[in-house]
Amino acid sequence: MDFLRGLKARGLDGAKLVISDAHSGLRAAIERVFEATWQRCRVHWMRNALAHVSRGQHTVVAAAIRQAFDQPDRASAGETWRRVADQLRSRWPKLAEPMDESEHDVLAYMAFPRQHRTKLHGTNPIERLKKEVKRRADVVGIFPNEASITRLIGAVLFEQNDEWQTASRYMMVEAFAQIDHEEIDPILSIKTA
């Protein structure tokens, strides 16, 4: 909670969606501090779900679940999600149970414009960034002082920010104008229903 309040105090404002793993304390803090929709990382959810299936069936089961992610809107995604859960229930009841419990958490990003969805469903970009920081720190090995660590990490973050802003344009800033509460409210009403 203190970390998130610190971010808000430093100017982080207008968050509409926060993506994380399913840590109950983190989720509660996100909802209190930002009043934003919470999205469970789809990638991590899929790994956890596939733990209930034999390794030889991972590809088939993952493909079945991904049908929900390929739907054009949240309502269709929810229908497909429930249909797939029902199909898998007889063979893998331990998989169907988390599907029943986490539909809204895993599909929350579907309430946002379609062009953003490929970037919103998981925490992979931040995890790639953490790996790059670790890779660069491992090259150095031993740092002479804390300031040198801060400089290296700052340089990596600055470099990544430039890349996201120019080269790869992780998300088009212009498209954010499309995101407003009218587009997001349907998911909130589904979630509380």
N, C-alpha and C. Protein backbone atom coordinates (compact mmCIF):
# COMPACT_ATOMS: atom_id res chain seq x y z
N MET A 1 0.83 -1.19 0.00
CA MET A 1 0.00 0.00 0.00
C MET A 1 0.87 1.26 0.00
N ASP A 2 1.93 1.24 0.85
CA ASP A 2 2.82 2.41 0.93
C ASP A 2 3.51 2.66 -0.40
N PHE A 3 3.95 1.59 -1.06
CA PHE A 3 4.61 1.74 -2.36
C PHE A 3 3.68 2.39 -3.38
N LEU A 4 2.45 1.91 -3.45
CA LEU A 4 1.49 2.46 -4.41
C LEU A 4 1.12 3.90 -4.07
N ARG A 5 0.97 4.20 -2.79
CA ARG A 5 0.69 5.58 -2.39
C ARG A 5 1.86 6.49 -2.75
N GLY A 6 3.08 5.96 -2.61
CA GLY A 6 4.26 6.72 -3.00
C GLY A 6 4.26 7.04 -4.49
N LEU A 7 3.87 6.07 -5.31
CA LEU A 7 3.77 6.31 -6.75
C LEU A 7 2.75 7.40 -7.05
N LYS A 8 1.63 7.31 -6.37
CA LYS A 8 0.57 8.30 -6.59
C LYS A 8 1.04 9.68 -6.13
N ALA A 9 1.73 9.74 -5.01
CA ALA A 9 2.23 11.02 -4.49
C ALA A 9 3.25 11.64 -5.44
N ARG A 10 3.99 10.80 -6.17
CA ARG A 10 4.99 11.31 -7.12
C ARG A 10 4.37 11.65 -8.47
N GLY A 11 3.04 11.49 -8.59
CA GLY A 11 2.39 11.96 -9.81
C GLY A 11 1.74 10.91 -10.68
N LEU A 12 1.81 9.66 -10.31
CA LEU A 12 1.14 8.64 -11.11
C LEU A 12 -0.36 8.82 -10.93
N ASP A 13 -1.04 9.15 -12.01
CA ASP A 13 -2.46 9.47 -11.92
C ASP A 13 -3.17 8.95 -13.16
N GLY A 14 -4.43 8.66 -13.03
CA GLY A 14 -5.24 8.27 -14.17
C GLY A 14 -5.10 6.82 -14.57
N ALA A 15 -4.54 5.98 -13.71
CA ALA A 15 -4.41 4.56 -14.04
C ALA A 15 -5.80 3.96 -14.21
N LYS A 16 -6.01 3.29 -15.32
CA LYS A 16 -7.30 2.66 -15.59
C LYS A 16 -7.24 1.14 -15.42
N LEU A 17 -6.03 0.58 -15.58
CA LEU A 17 -5.85 -0.86 -15.48
C LEU A 17 -4.49 -1.12 -14.86
N VAL A 18 -4.46 -2.03 -13.88
CA VAL A 18 -3.21 -2.44 -13.26
C VAL A 18 -3.12 -3.95 -13.42
N ILE A 19 -1.99 -4.41 -13.93
CA ILE A 19 -1.79 -5.84 -14.20
C ILE A 19 -0.77 -6.37 -13.19
N SER A 20 -1.10 -7.48 -12.57
CA SER A 20 -0.17 -8.10 -11.62
C SER A 20 -0.53 -9.57 -11.48
N ASP A 21 0.28 -10.24 -10.68
CA ASP A 21 -0.05 -11.60 -10.31
C ASP A 21 -1.16 -11.54 -9.25
N ALA A 22 -1.68 -12.68 -8.88
CA ALA A 22 -2.84 -12.73 -7.99
C ALA A 22 -2.45 -12.73 -6.52
N HIS A 23 -1.79 -11.69 -6.08
CA HIS A 23 -1.47 -11.54 -4.66
C HIS A 23 -2.60 -10.73 -4.03
N SER A 24 -3.31 -11.32 -3.08
CA SER A 24 -4.51 -10.67 -2.55
C SER A 24 -4.21 -9.31 -1.92
N GLY A 25 -3.10 -9.16 -1.22
CA GLY A 25 -2.76 -7.87 -0.61
C GLY A 25 -2.47 -6.82 -1.67
N LEU A 26 -1.74 -7.19 -2.70
CA LEU A 26 -1.43 -6.26 -3.78
C LEU A 26 -2.71 -5.85 -4.51
N ARG A 27 -3.55 -6.81 -4.76
CA ARG A 27 -4.81 -6.53 -5.46
C ARG A 27 -5.66 -5.55 -4.66
N ALA A 28 -5.79 -5.78 -3.37
CA ALA A 28 -6.59 -4.89 -2.51
C ALA A 28 -5.99 -3.48 -2.49
N ALA A 29 -4.67 -3.40 -2.42
CA ALA A 29 -4.00 -2.09 -2.40
C ALA A 29 -4.22 -1.35 -3.72
N ILE A 30 -4.16 -2.07 -4.84
CA ILE A 30 -4.38 -1.46 -6.15
C ILE A 30 -5.78 -0.87 -6.22
N GLU A 31 -6.76 -1.64 -5.77
CA GLU A 31 -8.14 -1.17 -5.84
C GLU A 31 -8.37 0.04 -4.94
N ARG A 32 -7.71 0.08 -3.78
CA ARG A 32 -7.88 1.21 -2.87
C ARG A 32 -7.17 2.46 -3.34
N VAL A 33 -5.92 2.32 -3.78
CA VAL A 33 -5.11 3.48 -4.11
C VAL A 33 -5.47 4.05 -5.48
N PHE A 34 -5.64 3.20 -6.47
CA PHE A 34 -5.84 3.70 -7.83
C PHE A 34 -7.29 3.65 -8.31
N GLU A 35 -8.13 2.91 -7.64
CA GLU A 35 -9.51 2.74 -8.08
C GLU A 35 -9.55 2.35 -9.56
N ALA A 36 -8.65 1.46 -9.93
CA ALA A 36 -8.52 1.01 -11.32
C ALA A 36 -8.97 -0.44 -11.43
N THR A 37 -9.26 -0.85 -12.64
CA THR A 37 -9.58 -2.24 -12.92
C THR A 37 -8.31 -3.05 -12.71
N TRP A 38 -8.44 -4.22 -12.12
CA TRP A 38 -7.29 -5.09 -11.90
C TRP A 38 -7.34 -6.23 -12.91
N GLN A 39 -6.21 -6.54 -13.51
CA GLN A 39 -6.06 -7.62 -14.48
C GLN A 39 -5.03 -8.60 -13.94
N ARG A 40 -5.41 -9.85 -13.85
CA ARG A 40 -4.45 -10.88 -13.49
C ARG A 40 -3.60 -11.18 -14.71
N CYS A 41 -2.30 -11.31 -14.52
CA CYS A 41 -1.40 -11.60 -15.64
C CYS A 41 -1.85 -12.90 -16.29
N ARG A 42 -2.21 -12.80 -17.55
CA ARG A 42 -2.73 -13.96 -18.29
C ARG A 42 -1.66 -15.03 -18.46
N VAL A 43 -0.44 -14.63 -18.68
CA VAL A 43 0.65 -15.58 -18.88
C VAL A 43 0.86 -16.42 -17.62
N HIS A 44 0.92 -15.76 -16.47
CA HIS A 44 1.11 -16.49 -15.23
C HIS A 44 -0.11 -17.34 -14.87
N TRP A 45 -1.29 -16.81 -15.17
CA TRP A 45 -2.49 -17.59 -14.91
C TRP A 45 -2.46 -18.88 -15.73
N MET A 46 -2.07 -18.78 -17.00
CA MET A 46 -2.04 -19.95 -17.88
C MET A 46 -1.04 -20.98 -17.36
N ARG A 47 0.12 -20.53 -16.90
CA ARG A 47 1.10 -21.47 -16.33
C ARG A 47 0.51 -22.20 -15.13
N ASN A 48 -0.15 -21.45 -14.26
CA ASN A 48 -0.75 -22.06 -13.06
C ASN A 48 -1.86 -23.03 -13.45
N ALA A 49 -2.67 -22.66 -14.43
CA ALA A 49 -3.78 -23.51 -14.85
C ALA A 49 -3.27 -24.81 -15.48
N LEU A 50 -2.24 -24.71 -16.29
CA LEU A 50 -1.73 -25.90 -16.97
C LEU A 50 -1.05 -26.87 -16.02
N ALA A 51 -0.77 -26.44 -14.80
CA ALA A 51 -0.22 -27.34 -13.79
C ALA A 51 -1.22 -28.44 -13.42
N HIS A 52 -2.51 -28.23 -13.74
CA HIS A 52 -3.56 -29.22 -13.44
C HIS A 52 -3.75 -30.23 -14.57
N VAL A 53 -2.91 -30.12 -15.61
CA VAL A 53 -3.04 -30.95 -16.80
C VAL A 53 -1.71 -31.64 -17.06
N SER A 54 -1.75 -32.88 -17.56
CA SER A 54 -0.49 -33.56 -17.89
C SER A 54 0.25 -32.80 -18.98
N ARG A 55 1.57 -32.86 -18.92
CA ARG A 55 2.40 -32.09 -19.85
C ARG A 55 2.05 -32.37 -21.31
N GLY A 56 1.71 -33.59 -21.62
CA GLY A 56 1.36 -33.95 -23.00
C GLY A 56 0.09 -33.28 -23.51
N GLN A 57 -0.74 -32.80 -22.60
CA GLN A 57 -2.00 -32.15 -22.97
C GLN A 57 -1.94 -30.63 -22.93
N HIS A 58 -0.81 -30.06 -22.55
CA HIS A 58 -0.68 -28.61 -22.42
C HIS A 58 -1.08 -27.88 -23.70
N THR A 59 -0.57 -28.32 -24.83
CA THR A 59 -0.83 -27.62 -26.09
C THR A 59 -2.31 -27.59 -26.42
N VAL A 60 -2.98 -28.72 -26.27
CA VAL A 60 -4.40 -28.81 -26.60
C VAL A 60 -5.23 -27.95 -25.65
N VAL A 61 -4.96 -28.05 -24.37
CA VAL A 61 -5.73 -27.31 -23.38
C VAL A 61 -5.48 -25.81 -23.52
N ALA A 62 -4.23 -25.42 -23.71
CA ALA A 62 -3.91 -23.99 -23.88
C ALA A 62 -4.61 -23.43 -25.11
N ALA A 63 -4.64 -24.19 -26.20
CA ALA A 63 -5.32 -23.74 -27.41
C ALA A 63 -6.82 -23.57 -27.17
N ALA A 64 -7.40 -24.47 -26.41
CA ALA A 64 -8.83 -24.36 -26.09
C ALA A 64 -9.10 -23.10 -25.28
N ILE A 65 -8.28 -22.83 -24.28
CA ILE A 65 -8.48 -21.65 -23.43
C ILE A 65 -8.26 -20.37 -24.23
N ARG A 66 -7.26 -20.39 -25.11
CA ARG A 66 -6.96 -19.19 -25.91
C ARG A 66 -8.10 -18.77 -26.83
N GLN A 67 -9.04 -19.66 -27.08
CA GLN A 67 -10.20 -19.28 -27.89
C GLN A 67 -10.91 -18.08 -27.27
N ALA A 68 -10.96 -18.03 -25.96
CA ALA A 68 -11.61 -16.89 -25.28
C ALA A 68 -10.86 -15.59 -25.54
N PHE A 69 -9.53 -15.67 -25.61
CA PHE A 69 -8.72 -14.47 -25.81
C PHE A 69 -8.85 -13.92 -27.22
N ASP A 70 -9.29 -14.74 -28.16
CA ASP A 70 -9.40 -14.32 -29.56
C ASP A 70 -10.75 -13.71 -29.91
N GLN A 71 -11.62 -13.55 -28.92
CA GLN A 71 -12.96 -13.04 -29.18
C GLN A 71 -12.94 -11.52 -29.38
N PRO A 72 -13.92 -11.00 -30.10
CA PRO A 72 -13.92 -9.56 -30.41
C PRO A 72 -14.30 -8.65 -29.25
N ASP A 73 -15.01 -9.17 -28.25
CA ASP A 73 -15.44 -8.32 -27.14
C ASP A 73 -15.52 -9.13 -25.85
N ARG A 74 -15.72 -8.42 -24.75
CA ARG A 74 -15.72 -9.04 -23.42
C ARG A 74 -16.85 -10.06 -23.26
N ALA A 75 -18.03 -9.74 -23.77
CA ALA A 75 -19.17 -10.65 -23.61
C ALA A 75 -18.90 -11.97 -24.33
N SER A 76 -18.41 -11.91 -25.55
CA SER A 76 -18.09 -13.13 -26.31
C SER A 76 -16.97 -13.91 -25.65
N ALA A 77 -15.99 -13.18 -25.12
CA ALA A 77 -14.87 -13.84 -24.44
C ALA A 77 -15.37 -14.60 -23.21
N GLY A 78 -16.28 -13.98 -22.46
CA GLY A 78 -16.83 -14.64 -21.27
C GLY A 78 -17.63 -15.88 -21.62
N GLU A 79 -18.44 -15.79 -22.66
CA GLU A 79 -19.22 -16.96 -23.10
C GLU A 79 -18.29 -18.09 -23.51
N THR A 80 -17.26 -17.76 -24.29
CA THR A 80 -16.31 -18.78 -24.75
C THR A 80 -15.56 -19.37 -23.57
N TRP A 81 -15.14 -18.53 -22.64
CA TRP A 81 -14.42 -18.98 -21.44
C TRP A 81 -15.24 -20.01 -20.67
N ARG A 82 -16.52 -19.70 -20.44
CA ARG A 82 -17.38 -20.61 -19.68
C ARG A 82 -17.65 -21.90 -20.45
N ARG A 83 -17.80 -21.80 -21.76
CA ARG A 83 -18.02 -22.99 -22.59
C ARG A 83 -16.80 -23.91 -22.54
N VAL A 84 -15.62 -23.32 -22.67
CA VAL A 84 -14.38 -24.11 -22.62
C VAL A 84 -14.21 -24.74 -21.24
N ALA A 85 -14.50 -23.99 -20.18
CA ALA A 85 -14.40 -24.54 -18.82
C ALA A 85 -15.33 -25.74 -18.67
N ASP A 86 -16.54 -25.62 -19.21
CA ASP A 86 -17.50 -26.74 -19.14
C ASP A 86 -17.01 -27.95 -19.92
N GLN A 87 -16.37 -27.71 -21.08
CA GLN A 87 -15.85 -28.81 -21.88
C GLN A 87 -14.70 -29.52 -21.18
N LEU A 88 -13.89 -28.76 -20.46
CA LEU A 88 -12.72 -29.34 -19.79
C LEU A 88 -13.06 -29.94 -18.43
N ARG A 89 -14.20 -29.60 -17.89
CA ARG A 89 -14.58 -29.97 -16.53
C ARG A 89 -14.57 -31.48 -16.27
N SER A 90 -15.10 -32.27 -17.19
CA SER A 90 -15.20 -33.71 -16.93
C SER A 90 -13.82 -34.37 -16.87
N ARG A 91 -12.90 -33.92 -17.71
CA ARG A 91 -11.58 -34.54 -17.74
C ARG A 91 -10.61 -33.93 -16.73
N TRP A 92 -10.70 -32.60 -16.54
CA TRP A 92 -9.80 -31.90 -15.63
C TRP A 92 -10.60 -31.00 -14.70
N PRO A 93 -11.27 -31.56 -13.70
CA PRO A 93 -12.07 -30.73 -12.79
C PRO A 93 -11.23 -29.73 -12.01
N LYS A 94 -9.97 -30.07 -11.73
CA LYS A 94 -9.11 -29.14 -11.00
C LYS A 94 -8.69 -27.96 -11.87
N LEU A 95 -8.82 -28.06 -13.17
CA LEU A 95 -8.58 -26.93 -14.07
C LEU A 95 -9.83 -26.07 -14.21
N ALA A 96 -10.97 -26.71 -14.27
CA ALA A 96 -12.23 -25.96 -14.45
C ALA A 96 -12.51 -25.06 -13.25
N GLU A 97 -12.14 -25.51 -12.07
CA GLU A 97 -12.39 -24.72 -10.86
C GLU A 97 -11.70 -23.35 -10.90
N PRO A 98 -10.39 -23.30 -11.18
CA PRO A 98 -9.77 -21.96 -11.27
C PRO A 98 -10.30 -21.15 -12.45
N MET A 99 -10.74 -21.82 -13.50
CA MET A 99 -11.34 -21.08 -14.61
C MET A 99 -12.63 -20.40 -14.15
N ASP A 100 -13.44 -21.12 -13.39
CA ASP A 100 -14.68 -20.54 -12.88
C ASP A 100 -14.40 -19.34 -11.97
N GLU A 101 -13.38 -19.47 -11.13
CA GLU A 101 -13.08 -18.44 -10.15
C GLU A 101 -12.40 -17.20 -10.74
N SER A 102 -11.70 -17.35 -11.85
CA SER A 102 -10.85 -16.25 -12.32
C SER A 102 -11.25 -15.64 -13.66
N GLU A 103 -12.41 -15.98 -14.15
CA GLU A 103 -12.84 -15.43 -15.46
C GLU A 103 -12.71 -13.91 -15.52
N HIS A 104 -13.26 -13.21 -14.56
CA HIS A 104 -13.26 -11.74 -14.59
C HIS A 104 -11.85 -11.18 -14.43
N ASP A 105 -11.04 -11.85 -13.63
CA ASP A 105 -9.67 -11.38 -13.40
C ASP A 105 -8.81 -11.52 -14.65
N VAL A 106 -8.96 -12.61 -15.36
CA VAL A 106 -8.12 -12.89 -16.52
C VAL A 106 -8.61 -12.15 -17.77
N LEU A 107 -9.90 -11.87 -17.84
CA LEU A 107 -10.48 -11.22 -19.02
C LEU A 107 -10.75 -9.73 -18.84
N ALA A 108 -10.29 -9.13 -17.76
CA ALA A 108 -10.57 -7.71 -17.49
C ALA A 108 -10.08 -6.82 -18.63
N TYR A 109 -8.94 -7.13 -19.22
CA TYR A 109 -8.37 -6.30 -20.29
C TYR A 109 -9.26 -6.23 -21.52
N MET A 110 -10.20 -7.15 -21.66
CA MET A 110 -11.08 -7.18 -22.83
C MET A 110 -12.02 -5.98 -22.87
N ALA A 111 -12.15 -5.23 -21.79
CA ALA A 111 -13.01 -4.05 -21.77
C ALA A 111 -12.32 -2.84 -22.41
N PHE A 112 -11.05 -2.98 -22.73
CA PHE A 112 -10.29 -1.89 -23.33
C PHE A 112 -10.29 -2.03 -24.85
N PRO A 113 -9.93 -0.95 -25.56
CA PRO A 113 -9.93 -1.02 -27.03
C PRO A 113 -9.08 -2.18 -27.55
N ARG A 114 -9.56 -2.79 -28.61
CA ARG A 114 -8.93 -3.99 -29.17
C ARG A 114 -7.45 -3.78 -29.49
N GLN A 115 -7.10 -2.61 -30.00
CA GLN A 115 -5.70 -2.37 -30.39
C GLN A 115 -4.74 -2.40 -29.21
N HIS A 116 -5.23 -2.25 -27.99
CA HIS A 116 -4.36 -2.28 -26.82
C HIS A 116 -4.26 -3.67 -26.20
N ARG A 117 -5.14 -4.54 -26.52
CA ARG A 117 -5.26 -5.81 -25.79
C ARG A 117 -4.00 -6.66 -25.81
N THR A 118 -3.28 -6.68 -26.91
CA THR A 118 -2.08 -7.51 -26.95
C THR A 118 -1.03 -7.02 -25.97
N LYS A 119 -1.09 -5.78 -25.58
CA LYS A 119 -0.13 -5.22 -24.63
C LYS A 119 -0.63 -5.25 -23.20
N LEU A 120 -1.92 -5.47 -23.01
CA LEU A 120 -2.51 -5.33 -21.69
C LEU A 120 -2.74 -6.63 -20.93
N HIS A 121 -2.57 -7.75 -21.53
CA HIS A 121 -2.99 -8.97 -20.85
C HIS A 121 -1.97 -9.56 -19.89
N GLY A 122 -0.76 -9.07 -19.89
CA GLY A 122 0.24 -9.67 -19.02
C GLY A 122 1.32 -8.71 -18.58
N THR A 123 2.24 -9.21 -17.79
CA THR A 123 3.33 -8.41 -17.24
C THR A 123 4.64 -8.65 -17.98
N ASN A 124 4.59 -9.22 -19.17
CA ASN A 124 5.81 -9.56 -19.90
C ASN A 124 6.73 -8.36 -20.16
N PRO A 125 6.22 -7.18 -20.54
CA PRO A 125 7.15 -6.07 -20.79
C PRO A 125 7.98 -5.70 -19.57
N ILE A 126 7.37 -5.67 -18.41
CA ILE A 126 8.11 -5.32 -17.20
C ILE A 126 9.08 -6.45 -16.84
N GLU A 127 8.70 -7.68 -17.10
CA GLU A 127 9.59 -8.80 -16.82
C GLU A 127 10.80 -8.79 -17.77
N ARG A 128 10.57 -8.41 -19.03
CA ARG A 128 11.70 -8.28 -19.96
C ARG A 128 12.64 -7.18 -19.49
N LEU A 129 12.06 -6.09 -18.99
CA LEU A 129 12.88 -4.99 -18.48
C LEU A 129 13.70 -5.45 -17.28
N LYS A 130 13.10 -6.19 -16.37
CA LYS A 130 13.85 -6.70 -15.22
C LYS A 130 14.99 -7.62 -15.66
N LYS A 131 14.73 -8.45 -16.66
CA LYS A 131 15.80 -9.33 -17.17
C LYS A 131 16.95 -8.53 -17.76
N GLU A 132 16.62 -7.43 -18.47
CA GLU A 132 17.67 -6.60 -19.06
C GLU A 132 18.49 -5.92 -17.97
N VAL A 133 17.85 -5.44 -16.92
CA VAL A 133 18.58 -4.84 -15.80
C VAL A 133 19.51 -5.88 -15.17
N LYS A 134 18.98 -7.08 -14.96
CA LYS A 134 19.78 -8.15 -14.36
C LYS A 134 20.96 -8.53 -15.27
N ARG A 135 20.69 -8.63 -16.56
CA ARG A 135 21.76 -8.99 -17.51
C ARG A 135 22.89 -7.96 -17.46
N ARG A 136 22.52 -6.68 -17.47
CA ARG A 136 23.53 -5.62 -17.46
C ARG A 136 24.27 -5.58 -16.12
N ALA A 137 23.56 -5.85 -15.02
CA ALA A 137 24.22 -5.86 -13.71
C ALA A 137 25.16 -7.05 -13.58
N ASP A 138 24.77 -8.18 -14.16
CA ASP A 138 25.63 -9.38 -14.11
C ASP A 138 26.94 -9.16 -14.85
N VAL A 139 26.91 -8.37 -15.91
CA VAL A 139 28.13 -8.08 -16.67
C VAL A 139 29.12 -7.33 -15.79
N VAL A 140 28.61 -6.39 -15.02
CA VAL A 140 29.48 -5.61 -14.14
C VAL A 140 29.99 -6.47 -12.98
N GLY A 141 29.11 -7.27 -12.44
CA GLY A 141 29.51 -8.17 -11.36
C GLY A 141 29.48 -7.51 -10.00
N ILE A 142 30.54 -6.78 -9.68
CA ILE A 142 30.65 -6.14 -8.36
C ILE A 142 30.64 -4.63 -8.56
N PHE A 143 29.74 -3.99 -7.85
CA PHE A 143 29.64 -2.53 -7.93
C PHE A 143 30.42 -1.90 -6.80
N PRO A 144 31.16 -0.81 -7.07
CA PRO A 144 31.96 -0.19 -6.02
C PRO A 144 31.11 0.50 -4.94
N ASN A 145 29.91 0.96 -5.33
CA ASN A 145 29.05 1.64 -4.36
C ASN A 145 27.61 1.66 -4.88
N GLU A 146 26.70 2.11 -4.02
CA GLU A 146 25.28 2.13 -4.37
C GLU A 146 24.99 3.10 -5.53
N ALA A 147 25.72 4.20 -5.57
CA ALA A 147 25.50 5.19 -6.64
C ALA A 147 25.77 4.58 -8.02
N SER A 148 26.75 3.70 -8.11
CA SER A 148 27.06 3.09 -9.41
C SER A 148 25.93 2.16 -9.86
N ILE A 149 25.29 1.48 -8.92
CA ILE A 149 24.14 0.63 -9.25
C ILE A 149 22.99 1.50 -9.74
N THR A 150 22.74 2.58 -9.03
CA THR A 150 21.67 3.51 -9.41
C THR A 150 21.91 4.07 -10.80
N ARG A 151 23.15 4.44 -11.12
CA ARG A 151 23.47 4.97 -12.46
C ARG A 151 23.20 3.93 -13.54
N LEU A 152 23.63 2.70 -13.30
CA LEU A 152 23.43 1.65 -14.31
C LEU A 152 21.94 1.39 -14.52
N ILE A 153 21.21 1.20 -13.45
CA ILE A 153 19.77 0.91 -13.58
C ILE A 153 19.06 2.11 -14.21
N GLY A 154 19.42 3.31 -13.80
CA GLY A 154 18.84 4.52 -14.40
C GLY A 154 19.09 4.58 -15.90
N ALA A 155 20.31 4.23 -16.31
CA ALA A 155 20.64 4.25 -17.74
C ALA A 155 19.82 3.23 -18.51
N VAL A 156 19.66 2.04 -17.94
CA VAL A 156 18.86 0.99 -18.60
C VAL A 156 17.40 1.45 -18.71
N LEU A 157 16.86 2.02 -17.65
CA LEU A 157 15.47 2.49 -17.68
C LEU A 157 15.29 3.63 -18.66
N PHE A 158 16.25 4.54 -18.70
CA PHE A 158 16.19 5.66 -19.63
C PHE A 158 16.22 5.16 -21.08
N GLU A 159 17.11 4.21 -21.33
CA GLU A 159 17.23 3.60 -22.66
C GLU A 159 15.92 2.91 -23.07
N GLN A 160 15.33 2.18 -22.15
CA GLN A 160 14.08 1.48 -22.44
C GLN A 160 12.95 2.47 -22.66
N ASN A 161 12.91 3.53 -21.88
CA ASN A 161 11.88 4.55 -22.06
C ASN A 161 11.98 5.17 -23.45
N ASP A 162 13.20 5.48 -23.88
CA ASP A 162 13.39 6.04 -25.23
C ASP A 162 12.89 5.08 -26.29
N GLU A 163 13.22 3.80 -26.12
CA GLU A 163 12.79 2.80 -27.10
C GLU A 163 11.27 2.71 -27.14
N TRP A 164 10.63 2.70 -25.98
CA TRP A 164 9.17 2.60 -25.94
C TRP A 164 8.53 3.85 -26.53
N GLN A 165 9.15 5.01 -26.35
CA GLN A 165 8.58 6.26 -26.86
C GLN A 165 8.77 6.44 -28.36
N THR A 166 9.86 5.91 -28.90
CA THR A 166 10.16 6.18 -30.32
C THR A 166 10.19 4.92 -31.17
N ALA A 167 11.17 4.09 -30.95
CA ALA A 167 11.41 2.96 -31.86
C ALA A 167 10.25 1.99 -31.95
N SER A 168 9.90 1.37 -30.85
CA SER A 168 8.88 0.33 -30.92
C SER A 168 7.48 0.84 -30.62
N ARG A 169 7.38 2.06 -30.07
CA ARG A 169 6.07 2.63 -29.73
C ARG A 169 5.19 1.57 -29.10
N TYR A 170 5.58 1.17 -27.93
CA TYR A 170 4.91 0.08 -27.22
C TYR A 170 3.40 0.21 -27.27
N MET A 171 2.92 1.39 -26.99
CA MET A 171 1.48 1.68 -27.15
C MET A 171 1.39 3.09 -27.72
N MET A 172 0.55 3.27 -28.69
CA MET A 172 0.39 4.58 -29.30
C MET A 172 -0.33 5.52 -28.33
N VAL A 173 0.33 6.62 -28.01
CA VAL A 173 -0.22 7.57 -27.06
C VAL A 173 -1.55 8.13 -27.57
N GLU A 174 -1.63 8.34 -28.88
CA GLU A 174 -2.85 8.91 -29.46
C GLU A 174 -4.07 8.03 -29.18
N ALA A 175 -3.85 6.74 -29.13
CA ALA A 175 -4.96 5.81 -28.94
C ALA A 175 -5.50 5.83 -27.51
N PHE A 176 -4.71 6.38 -26.57
CA PHE A 176 -5.21 6.46 -25.20
C PHE A 176 -6.43 7.35 -25.09
N ALA A 177 -6.60 8.28 -26.03
CA ALA A 177 -7.77 9.16 -26.00
C ALA A 177 -9.06 8.36 -26.09
N GLN A 178 -8.98 7.15 -26.66
CA GLN A 178 -10.16 6.30 -26.80
C GLN A 178 -10.58 5.69 -25.47
N ILE A 179 -9.67 5.63 -24.54
CA ILE A 179 -9.96 4.97 -23.27
C ILE A 179 -10.59 5.98 -22.32
N ASP A 180 -11.82 5.75 -22.00
CA ASP A 180 -12.48 6.58 -20.99
C ASP A 180 -13.40 5.69 -20.17
N HIS A 181 -13.99 6.24 -19.16
CA HIS A 181 -14.79 5.43 -18.25
C HIS A 181 -16.01 4.80 -18.92
N GLU A 182 -16.55 5.41 -19.97
CA GLU A 182 -17.70 4.80 -20.63
C GLU A 182 -17.33 3.46 -21.24
N GLU A 183 -16.09 3.32 -21.73
CA GLU A 183 -15.69 2.06 -22.35
C GLU A 183 -15.36 1.01 -21.30
N ILE A 184 -14.95 1.43 -20.12
CA ILE A 184 -14.49 0.50 -19.11
C ILE A 184 -15.63 0.09 -18.17
N ASP A 185 -16.61 0.94 -17.99
CA ASP A 185 -17.70 0.65 -17.06
C ASP A 185 -18.40 -0.68 -17.29
N PRO A 186 -18.59 -1.15 -18.54
CA PRO A 186 -19.26 -2.45 -18.69
C PRO A 186 -18.55 -3.58 -17.95
N ILE A 187 -17.23 -3.59 -17.92
CA ILE A 187 -16.53 -4.66 -17.22
C ILE A 187 -16.75 -4.55 -15.72
N LEU A 188 -16.82 -3.33 -15.22
CA LEU A 188 -17.05 -3.17 -13.79
C LEU A 188 -18.44 -3.66 -13.40
N SER A 189 -19.43 -3.45 -14.25
CA SER A 189 -20.77 -3.94 -13.94
C SER A 189 -20.83 -5.45 -14.04
N ILE A 190 -20.08 -6.04 -14.97
CA ILE A 190 -20.04 -7.50 -15.10
C ILE A 190 -19.37 -8.08 -13.85
N LYS A 191 -18.30 -7.45 -13.41
CA LYS A 191 -17.51 -7.94 -12.29
C LYS A 191 -18.32 -7.96 -10.99
N THR A 192 -19.15 -6.96 -10.79
CA THR A 192 -19.89 -6.88 -9.55
C THR A 192 -21.24 -7.59 -9.61
N ALA A 193 -21.64 -8.03 -10.79
CA ALA A 193 -22.94 -8.69 -10.93
C ALA A 193 -22.93 -10.07 -10.34
